[in-house]
Amino acid sequence: MDKDEKQRADLAKELSGMSDSELKETLEKLRAEEERVSYRRRVIHGKIDVLRAELVNRLKGKQQRGERLFTKEDIVRLGELLTKESSLGDPTTDEDLF
């Protein structure tokens, strides 16, 4: 039995011991948590959009002034990121991207 199967079995066992009112209360708590997480995700995506727009504006300004858009360090870092083995979606490794 893998980890996911064990978690599902544990959850099923836990749920079978709950009353209807406990199930409803647990469901409501999870809905409220999901709303908080969803709100936080939207805030983060908004910040990402603002940062991207600012970066684009700065790059356009550099381009208009005839400056280089990327430094040698930018290219080296990009190469490191592209060759590095990474587990996408793993928050412990995502911080390495920035």
Protein backbone atom coordinates (compact mmCIF):
# COMPACT_ATOMS: atom_id res chain seq x y z
CA MET A 1 0.00 0.00 0.00
CA ASP A 2 1.51 3.33 -1.06
CA LYS A 3 1.33 6.59 0.90
CA ASP A 4 -1.76 7.92 -0.94
CA GLU A 5 -3.66 4.68 -0.47
CA LYS A 6 -2.83 4.66 3.23
CA GLN A 7 -4.01 8.25 3.60
CA ARG A 8 -7.29 7.45 1.85
CA ALA A 9 -7.79 4.38 4.04
CA ASP A 10 -7.05 6.39 7.19
CA LEU A 11 -9.47 9.12 6.11
CA ALA A 12 -12.21 6.58 5.34
CA LYS A 13 -11.73 5.02 8.76
CA GLU A 14 -11.84 8.44 10.44
CA LEU A 15 -14.97 9.49 8.53
CA SER A 16 -16.83 6.27 9.30
CA GLY A 17 -16.58 7.08 13.00
CA MET A 18 -18.06 10.58 12.65
CA SER A 19 -21.65 11.55 13.19
CA ASP A 20 -23.58 13.48 10.55
CA SER A 21 -23.16 16.72 12.47
CA GLU A 22 -19.40 16.13 12.82
CA LEU A 23 -19.16 15.46 9.07
CA LYS A 24 -21.05 18.69 8.30
CA GLU A 25 -18.86 20.68 10.70
CA THR A 26 -15.68 19.22 9.20
CA LEU A 27 -16.93 19.95 5.69
CA GLU A 28 -17.66 23.56 6.61
CA LYS A 29 -14.21 23.98 8.16
CA LEU A 30 -12.59 22.63 4.99
CA ARG A 31 -14.70 24.91 2.80
CA ALA A 32 -13.63 27.91 4.88
CA GLU A 33 -9.99 26.82 4.64
CA GLU A 34 -10.30 26.41 0.87
CA GLU A 35 -11.71 29.93 0.60
CA ARG A 36 -8.75 31.32 2.57
CA VAL A 37 -6.26 29.40 0.42
CA SER A 38 -8.02 30.49 -2.77
CA TYR A 39 -7.99 34.13 -1.66
CA ARG A 40 -4.28 33.90 -0.81
CA ARG A 41 -3.56 32.34 -4.22
CA ARG A 42 -5.39 35.19 -5.98
CA VAL A 43 -3.40 37.77 -4.00
CA ILE A 44 -0.13 36.04 -4.92
CA HIS A 45 -1.10 35.86 -8.59
CA GLY A 46 -1.94 39.56 -8.49
CA LYS A 47 1.51 40.33 -7.09
CA ILE A 48 3.09 38.16 -9.78
CA ASP A 49 1.19 40.10 -12.46
CA VAL A 50 2.38 43.43 -11.03
CA LEU A 51 6.00 42.23 -10.87
CA ARG A 52 5.88 40.92 -14.44
CA ALA A 53 4.43 44.20 -15.69
CA GLU A 54 7.16 46.16 -13.90
CA LEU A 55 9.87 43.91 -15.35
CA VAL A 56 8.44 44.32 -18.85
CA ASN A 57 8.38 48.12 -18.43
CA ARG A 58 11.98 48.14 -17.25
CA LEU A 59 13.12 45.90 -20.11
CA LYS A 60 11.31 48.13 -22.63
CA GLY A 61 13.08 51.15 -21.16
CA LYS A 62 16.47 49.44 -21.46
CA GLN A 63 15.71 48.42 -25.02
CA GLN A 64 14.68 51.98 -25.96
CA ARG A 65 17.93 53.31 -24.49
CA GLY A 66 19.92 50.70 -26.41
CA GLU A 67 21.09 48.92 -23.28
CA ARG A 68 21.57 45.19 -22.96
CA LEU A 69 18.45 43.48 -21.70
CA PHE A 70 20.23 40.72 -19.81
CA THR A 71 23.56 40.53 -18.03
CA LYS A 72 26.03 37.70 -18.30
CA GLU A 73 24.96 36.67 -14.80
CA ASP A 74 21.33 36.44 -15.97
CA ILE A 75 22.33 34.04 -18.75
CA VAL A 76 24.49 31.93 -16.43
CA ARG A 77 21.65 31.71 -13.87
CA LEU A 78 19.18 30.75 -16.59
CA GLY A 79 21.51 27.97 -17.73
CA GLU A 80 21.81 26.72 -14.17
CA LEU A 81 18.05 26.67 -13.77
CA LEU A 82 17.48 24.87 -17.06
CA THR A 83 20.03 22.17 -16.34
CA LYS A 84 19.14 21.68 -12.68
CA GLU A 85 16.94 18.75 -11.85
CA SER A 86 13.87 20.13 -10.16
CA SER A 87 10.66 18.67 -8.87
CA LEU A 88 8.01 21.06 -10.14
CA GLY A 89 5.42 22.03 -7.63
CA ASP A 90 7.62 21.18 -4.65
CA PRO A 91 7.62 24.33 -2.52
CA THR A 92 10.92 23.34 -0.93
CA THR A 93 12.69 23.59 -4.28
CA ASP A 94 10.70 26.38 -5.93
CA GLU A 95 12.52 28.99 -3.85
CA ASP A 96 15.69 28.07 -5.74
CA LEU A 97 14.18 29.72 -8.81
CA PHE A 98 14.39 33.20 -7.30
